[in-house]
Amino acid sequence: MDENYQAGREGLEYAASKGLGISIMEPLRGGLLARKNDDIEAIFSKADTIMTPVEWALRFVWNHPEVSIVLSGMNDESQIEENVNIANRAQANSLSNNDLKYIVDAKNVLDKNLKVGCTGCGYCMPCPAGVNIPMCFSYYNDRYVFDEKAAKNFYTNLLSGLDSGKPSYASQCKNCGNCEKHCPQHIQIRNYLKDVSKEMES
């Protein structure tokens, strides 16, 4: 998705030209690319080879011969097994031109609906004001990318602090800017938190 963001493809090719090994982080964009989207599923259903959203994402990364290793976060044994199986099948330059076209079409769908380009890395945390920044952006994106009408309810309930006694809503932001100093995506976090507060808390 982020070929033209930050170093992107140009940085990948430059590093490879210098003989450097290249590690790819967040190949699933914090789990976003593992989720199902009806429009994207319709695009990939046209492909000759049927793959899961996870396989499409990982195979795209491994399609680049410059990539040495892919670092993907996993939460349970089934995800480990899935990633290992995909890695065993993946090869550089193995995707067809049609496959790559489907990926571009899917990327366009995400780009159209994604509100915040947060990968959920958590480098912005902890927030001094107690805002759970990655979760705020996750539910905000869910509302638009996946048309999840329940996203606002999840936001309200799961960030309310019922368990911990410490709510973590976007509206708690004190505009200190500490988070933006640590964001590798250079997201204007404070501005987006205002949008989240307005749309998810009203």
C-alpha atoms as a PDB file:
ATOM      1  CA  MET A   1       0.000   0.000   0.000  1.00  0.00           C
ATOM      2  CA  ASP A   2       2.755   2.435   0.901  1.00  0.00           C
ATOM      3  CA  GLU A   3       5.027   2.094  -2.131  1.00  0.00           C
ATOM      4  CA  ASN A   4       5.270   5.844  -2.613  1.00  0.00           C
ATOM      5  CA  TYR A   5       5.222   6.868   1.049  1.00  0.00           C
ATOM      6  CA  GLN A   6       8.436   7.824   2.875  1.00  0.00           C
ATOM      7  CA  ALA A   7      11.306   5.842   1.291  1.00  0.00           C
ATOM      8  CA  GLY A   8       8.872   3.432  -0.359  1.00  0.00           C
ATOM      9  CA  ARG A   9       9.849   1.531  -3.490  1.00  0.00           C
ATOM     10  CA  GLU A  10      12.597   4.023  -4.322  1.00  0.00           C
ATOM     11  CA  GLY A  11      14.207   3.440  -0.929  1.00  0.00           C
ATOM     12  CA  LEU A  12      13.848  -0.315  -1.335  1.00  0.00           C
ATOM     13  CA  GLU A  13      15.677  -0.269  -4.660  1.00  0.00           C
ATOM     14  CA  TYR A  14      18.344   2.129  -3.378  1.00  0.00           C
ATOM     15  CA  ALA A  15      19.120  -0.026  -0.334  1.00  0.00           C
ATOM     16  CA  ALA A  16      19.304  -3.139  -2.507  1.00  0.00           C
ATOM     17  CA  SER A  17      21.687  -1.392  -4.922  1.00  0.00           C
ATOM     18  CA  LYS A  18      24.040  -0.851  -1.969  1.00  0.00           C
ATOM     19  CA  GLY A  19      23.934  -4.542  -1.091  1.00  0.00           C
ATOM     20  CA  LEU A  20      21.937  -4.033   2.095  1.00  0.00           C
ATOM     21  CA  GLY A  21      19.568  -6.592   3.544  1.00  0.00           C
ATOM     22  CA  ILE A  22      16.027  -5.242   3.771  1.00  0.00           C
ATOM     23  CA  SER A  23      13.480  -5.982   6.507  1.00  0.00           C
ATOM     24  CA  ILE A  24       9.820  -5.118   5.974  1.00  0.00           C
ATOM     25  CA  MET A  25       7.718  -4.208   9.022  1.00  0.00           C
ATOM     26  CA  GLU A  26       3.922  -4.050   9.273  1.00  0.00           C
ATOM     27  CA  PRO A  27       3.217  -5.924   5.999  1.00  0.00           C
ATOM     28  CA  LEU A  28      -0.454  -6.161   7.012  1.00  0.00           C
ATOM     29  CA  ARG A  29      -0.652  -2.535   8.201  1.00  0.00           C
ATOM     30  CA  GLY A  30      -1.415  -3.469  11.762  1.00  0.00           C
ATOM     31  CA  GLY A  31      -3.904  -6.136  10.690  1.00  0.00           C
ATOM     32  CA  LEU A  32      -5.899  -3.822   8.417  1.00  0.00           C
ATOM     33  CA  LEU A  33      -5.074  -5.824   5.284  1.00  0.00           C
ATOM     34  CA  ALA A  34      -6.148  -9.071   6.933  1.00  0.00           C
ATOM     35  CA  ARG A  35      -9.714  -7.824   7.300  1.00  0.00           C
ATOM     36  CA  LYS A  36     -12.494  -8.534   4.827  1.00  0.00           C
ATOM     37  CA  ASN A  37     -13.924  -5.796   2.647  1.00  0.00           C
ATOM     38  CA  ASP A  38     -16.709  -6.667   0.191  1.00  0.00           C
ATOM     39  CA  ASP A  39     -15.403  -4.413  -2.589  1.00  0.00           C
ATOM     40  CA  ILE A  40     -11.883  -5.799  -2.291  1.00  0.00           C
ATOM     41  CA  GLU A  41     -13.127  -9.385  -2.148  1.00  0.00           C
ATOM     42  CA  ALA A  42     -15.022  -8.755  -5.389  1.00  0.00           C
ATOM     43  CA  ILE A  43     -11.796  -7.587  -7.024  1.00  0.00           C
ATOM     44  CA  PHE A  44      -9.730 -10.574  -5.898  1.00  0.00           C
ATOM     45  CA  SER A  45     -12.489 -13.029  -6.820  1.00  0.00           C
ATOM     46  CA  LYS A  46     -11.583 -12.370 -10.475  1.00  0.00           C
ATOM     47  CA  ALA A  47      -8.075 -13.772  -9.983  1.00  0.00           C
ATOM     48  CA  ASP A  48      -7.079 -17.200 -11.287  1.00  0.00           C
ATOM     49  CA  THR A  49      -5.531 -18.086  -7.932  1.00  0.00           C
ATOM     50  CA  ILE A  50      -7.717 -17.828  -4.844  1.00  0.00           C
ATOM     51  CA  MET A  51      -5.857 -16.366  -1.872  1.00  0.00           C
ATOM     52  CA  THR A  52      -6.829 -14.968   1.513  1.00  0.00           C
ATOM     53  CA  PRO A  53      -6.405 -11.229   2.164  1.00  0.00           C
ATOM     54  CA  VAL A  54      -3.344 -12.082   4.273  1.00  0.00           C
ATOM     55  CA  GLU A  55      -1.758 -14.068   1.453  1.00  0.00           C
ATOM     56  CA  TRP A  56      -2.381 -11.321  -1.094  1.00  0.00           C
ATOM     57  CA  ALA A  57      -0.662  -8.805   1.188  1.00  0.00           C
ATOM     58  CA  LEU A  58       2.332 -10.972   2.085  1.00  0.00           C
ATOM     59  CA  ARG A  59       2.795 -12.301  -1.443  1.00  0.00           C
ATOM     60  CA  PHE A  60       2.883  -8.717  -2.712  1.00  0.00           C
ATOM     61  CA  VAL A  61       5.740  -7.876  -0.344  1.00  0.00           C
ATOM     62  CA  TRP A  62       7.662 -11.053  -1.159  1.00  0.00           C
ATOM     63  CA  ASN A  63       7.138 -10.431  -4.866  1.00  0.00           C
ATOM     64  CA  HIS A  64       9.887  -7.815  -4.592  1.00  0.00           C
ATOM     65  CA  PRO A  65      13.287  -9.547  -5.026  1.00  0.00           C
ATOM     66  CA  GLU A  66      14.970  -6.851  -2.916  1.00  0.00           C
ATOM     67  CA  VAL A  67      13.152  -7.949   0.259  1.00  0.00           C
ATOM     68  CA  SER A  68      15.256 -10.067   2.632  1.00  0.00           C
ATOM     69  CA  ILE A  69      12.820 -10.696   5.479  1.00  0.00           C
ATOM     70  CA  VAL A  70       9.251  -9.807   6.425  1.00  0.00           C
ATOM     71  CA  LEU A  71       8.361  -9.102  10.063  1.00  0.00           C
ATOM     72  CA  SER A  72       4.681  -9.758  10.695  1.00  0.00           C
ATOM     73  CA  GLY A  73       2.979  -9.514  14.079  1.00  0.00           C
ATOM     74  CA  MET A  74       1.102 -12.670  15.085  1.00  0.00           C
ATOM     75  CA  ASN A  75      -1.228 -13.317  18.007  1.00  0.00           C
ATOM     76  CA  ASP A  76      -1.732 -17.066  17.996  1.00  0.00           C
ATOM     77  CA  GLU A  77      -0.406 -20.352  16.634  1.00  0.00           C
ATOM     78  CA  SER A  78      -2.825 -20.448  13.694  1.00  0.00           C
ATOM     79  CA  GLN A  79      -1.475 -17.127  12.432  1.00  0.00           C
ATOM     80  CA  ILE A  80       2.079 -18.422  12.745  1.00  0.00           C
ATOM     81  CA  GLU A  81       1.178 -21.512  10.724  1.00  0.00           C
ATOM     82  CA  GLU A  82      -0.596 -19.433   8.081  1.00  0.00           C
ATOM     83  CA  ASN A  83       2.353 -17.068   7.679  1.00  0.00           C
ATOM     84  CA  VAL A  84       4.863 -19.927   7.478  1.00  0.00           C
ATOM     85  CA  ASN A  85       2.783 -21.701   4.831  1.00  0.00           C
ATOM     86  CA  ILE A  86       2.498 -18.518   2.791  1.00  0.00           C
ATOM     87  CA  ALA A  87       6.236 -17.897   3.123  1.00  0.00           C
ATOM     88  CA  ASN A  88       6.939 -21.388   1.799  1.00  0.00           C
ATOM     89  CA  ARG A  89       4.849 -20.672  -1.309  1.00  0.00           C
ATOM     90  CA  ALA A  90       5.997 -17.114  -1.935  1.00  0.00           C
ATOM     91  CA  GLN A  91       8.702 -16.264  -4.435  1.00  0.00           C
ATOM     92  CA  ALA A  92      10.064 -13.076  -5.937  1.00  0.00           C
ATOM     93  CA  ASN A  93       8.404 -12.038  -9.204  1.00  0.00           C
ATOM     94  CA  SER A  94       5.791 -14.783  -8.828  1.00  0.00           C
ATOM     95  CA  LEU A  95       2.691 -12.605  -9.183  1.00  0.00           C
ATOM     96  CA  SER A  96       1.247 -12.181 -12.667  1.00  0.00           C
ATOM     97  CA  ASN A  97       0.521  -8.824 -14.280  1.00  0.00           C
ATOM     98  CA  ASN A  98      -3.174  -9.474 -13.669  1.00  0.00           C
ATOM     99  CA  ASP A  99      -2.470 -10.195  -9.993  1.00  0.00           C
ATOM    100  CA  LEU A 100      -0.604  -6.907  -9.673  1.00  0.00           C
ATOM    101  CA  LYS A 101      -3.483  -5.074 -11.359  1.00  0.00           C
ATOM    102  CA  TYR A 102      -5.937  -6.541  -8.845  1.00  0.00           C
ATOM    103  CA  ILE A 103      -3.672  -5.382  -6.026  1.00  0.00           C
ATOM    104  CA  VAL A 104      -3.609  -1.836  -7.430  1.00  0.00           C
ATOM    105  CA  ASP A 105      -7.409  -1.868  -7.695  1.00  0.00           C
ATOM    106  CA  ALA A 106      -7.693  -3.092  -4.085  1.00  0.00           C
ATOM    107  CA  LYS A 107      -5.251  -0.410  -2.937  1.00  0.00           C
ATOM    108  CA  ASN A 108      -7.391   2.244  -4.604  1.00  0.00           C
ATOM    109  CA  VAL A 109     -10.436   1.042  -2.661  1.00  0.00           C
ATOM    110  CA  LEU A 110      -8.538   1.291   0.626  1.00  0.00           C
ATOM    111  CA  ASP A 111      -7.020   4.665  -0.225  1.00  0.00           C
ATOM    112  CA  LYS A 112     -10.476   6.008  -1.003  1.00  0.00           C
ATOM    113  CA  ASN A 113     -11.945   4.976   2.348  1.00  0.00           C
ATOM    114  CA  LEU A 114      -9.020   5.014   4.791  1.00  0.00           C
ATOM    115  CA  LYS A 115      -9.181   8.070   7.021  1.00  0.00           C
ATOM    116  CA  VAL A 116      -5.869   7.763   8.901  1.00  0.00           C
ATOM    117  CA  GLY A 117      -2.756   5.968   7.669  1.00  0.00           C
ATOM    118  CA  CYS A 118      -1.986   4.513  11.101  1.00  0.00           C
ATOM    119  CA  THR A 119      -0.384   1.057  11.161  1.00  0.00           C
ATOM    120  CA  GLY A 120      -0.995   0.530  14.878  1.00  0.00           C
ATOM    121  CA  CYS A 121       2.725   0.288  15.678  1.00  0.00           C
ATOM    122  CA  GLY A 122       2.190   2.032  19.033  1.00  0.00           C
ATOM    123  CA  TYR A 123       5.346   4.166  18.922  1.00  0.00           C
ATOM    124  CA  CYS A 124       3.138   7.151  19.818  1.00  0.00           C
ATOM    125  CA  MET A 125       2.264   5.557  23.138  1.00  0.00           C
ATOM    126  CA  PRO A 126       1.905   6.061  26.018  1.00  0.00           C
ATOM    127  CA  CYS A 127      -0.055   9.282  25.690  1.00  0.00           C
ATOM    128  CA  PRO A 128       0.397  11.598  28.726  1.00  0.00           C
ATOM    129  CA  ALA A 129      -3.334  12.382  28.589  1.00  0.00           C
ATOM    130  CA  GLY A 130      -4.305   8.721  28.460  1.00  0.00           C
ATOM    131  CA  VAL A 131      -5.552   8.616  24.851  1.00  0.00           C
ATOM    132  CA  ASN A 132      -5.306   5.176  23.239  1.00  0.00           C
ATOM    133  CA  ILE A 133      -4.201   6.636  19.922  1.00  0.00           C
ATOM    134  CA  PRO A 134      -3.885   3.411  17.861  1.00  0.00           C
ATOM    135  CA  MET A 135      -7.300   2.153  18.985  1.00  0.00           C
ATOM    136  CA  CYS A 136      -8.952   5.529  18.333  1.00  0.00           C
ATOM    137  CA  PHE A 137      -7.677   5.460  14.758  1.00  0.00           C
ATOM    138  CA  SER A 138      -8.480   1.767  14.330  1.00  0.00           C
ATOM    139  CA  TYR A 139     -12.165   2.188  15.180  1.00  0.00           C
ATOM    140  CA  TYR A 140     -12.320   5.396  13.138  1.00  0.00           C
ATOM    141  CA  ASN A 141     -10.941   3.603  10.074  1.00  0.00           C
ATOM    142  CA  ASP A 142     -13.212   0.605  10.673  1.00  0.00           C
ATOM    143  CA  ARG A 143     -16.231   2.846  10.423  1.00  0.00           C
ATOM    144  CA  TYR A 144     -15.306   3.895   6.882  1.00  0.00           C
ATOM    145  CA  VAL A 145     -13.167   1.125   5.380  1.00  0.00           C
ATOM    146  CA  PHE A 146     -15.394  -1.723   6.519  1.00  0.00           C
ATOM    147  CA  ASP A 147     -18.663   0.214   6.830  1.00  0.00           C
ATOM    148  CA  GLU A 148     -18.935  -1.065  10.375  1.00  0.00           C
ATOM    149  CA  LYS A 149     -21.881   0.674  11.972  1.00  0.00           C
ATOM    150  CA  ALA A 150     -20.875  -0.968  15.229  1.00  0.00           C
ATOM    151  CA  ALA A 151     -17.469   0.754  15.200  1.00  0.00           C
ATOM    152  CA  LYS A 152     -18.828   3.767  17.070  1.00  0.00           C
ATOM    153  CA  ASN A 153     -20.305   1.523  19.758  1.00  0.00           C
ATOM    154  CA  PHE A 154     -17.029  -0.384  20.098  1.00  0.00           C
ATOM    155  CA  TYR A 155     -15.186   2.923  20.358  1.00  0.00           C
ATOM    156  CA  THR A 156     -17.539   4.188  23.051  1.00  0.00           C
ATOM    157  CA  ASN A 157     -17.592   0.998  25.116  1.00  0.00           C
ATOM    158  CA  LEU A 158     -14.054  -0.361  24.796  1.00  0.00           C
ATOM    159  CA  LEU A 159     -12.322   2.970  25.365  1.00  0.00           C
ATOM    160  CA  SER A 160     -14.598   3.954  28.246  1.00  0.00           C
ATOM    161  CA  GLY A 161     -12.262   2.553  30.886  1.00  0.00           C
ATOM    162  CA  LEU A 162     -14.920   0.387  32.513  1.00  0.00           C
ATOM    163  CA  ASP A 163     -12.291  -2.227  33.374  1.00  0.00           C
ATOM    164  CA  SER A 164      -9.342   0.010  34.196  1.00  0.00           C
ATOM    165  CA  GLY A 165     -11.198   3.081  35.423  1.00  0.00           C
ATOM    166  CA  LYS A 166      -9.211   5.128  32.909  1.00  0.00           C
ATOM    167  CA  PRO A 167     -11.031   6.203  29.739  1.00  0.00           C
ATOM    168  CA  SER A 168      -8.879   6.686  26.638  1.00  0.00           C
ATOM    169  CA  TYR A 169     -10.979   8.755  24.214  1.00  0.00           C
ATOM    170  CA  ALA A 170      -9.631  11.065  21.513  1.00  0.00           C
ATOM    171  CA  SER A 171     -11.243  14.059  23.229  1.00  0.00           C
ATOM    172  CA  GLN A 172      -8.786  13.696  26.123  1.00  0.00           C
ATOM    173  CA  CYS A 173      -5.954  14.956  23.898  1.00  0.00           C
ATOM    174  CA  LYS A 174      -4.198  17.978  25.454  1.00  0.00           C
ATOM    175  CA  ASN A 175      -2.494  18.922  22.174  1.00  0.00           C
ATOM    176  CA  CYS A 176       1.003  18.402  23.625  1.00  0.00           C
ATOM    177  CA  GLY A 177       2.346  16.879  20.390  1.00  0.00           C
ATOM    178  CA  ASN A 178       4.521  14.288  22.117  1.00  0.00           C
ATOM    179  CA  CYS A 179       2.981  11.520  20.001  1.00  0.00           C
ATOM    180  CA  GLU A 180       3.860  13.183  16.697  1.00  0.00           C
ATOM    181  CA  LYS A 181       7.564  13.223  17.578  1.00  0.00           C
ATOM    182  CA  HIS A 182       7.571   9.432  17.643  1.00  0.00           C
ATOM    183  CA  CYS A 183       5.246   8.563  14.739  1.00  0.00           C
ATOM    184  CA  PRO A 184       7.223   6.851  11.928  1.00  0.00           C
ATOM    185  CA  GLN A 185       4.364   7.656   9.524  1.00  0.00           C
ATOM    186  CA  HIS A 186       4.571  11.393  10.362  1.00  0.00           C
ATOM    187  CA  ILE A 187       0.815  11.481  10.903  1.00  0.00           C
ATOM    188  CA  GLN A 188      -0.690  14.751  12.120  1.00  0.00           C
ATOM    189  CA  ILE A 189      -2.085  12.882  15.096  1.00  0.00           C
ATOM    190  CA  ARG A 190      -3.516  15.843  16.974  1.00  0.00           C
ATOM    191  CA  ASN A 191      -5.580  17.000  14.008  1.00  0.00           C
ATOM    192  CA  TYR A 192      -6.924  13.515  13.357  1.00  0.00           C
ATOM    193  CA  LEU A 193      -7.810  13.035  17.017  1.00  0.00           C
ATOM    194  CA  LYS A 194     -10.037  16.106  16.734  1.00  0.00           C
ATOM    195  CA  ASP A 195     -11.800  14.446  13.789  1.00  0.00           C
ATOM    196  CA  VAL A 196     -12.174  11.201  15.725  1.00  0.00           C
ATOM    197  CA  SER A 197     -13.598  13.028  18.731  1.00  0.00           C
ATOM    198  CA  LYS A 198     -16.069  14.938  16.574  1.00  0.00           C
ATOM    199  CA  GLU A 199     -17.306  11.920  14.617  1.00  0.00           C
ATOM    200  CA  MET A 200     -17.066   9.114  17.157  1.00  0.00           C
ATOM    201  CA  GLU A 201     -18.066  10.880  20.370  1.00  0.00           C
ATOM    202  CA  SER A 202     -20.950  13.065  19.232  1.00  0.00           C
END
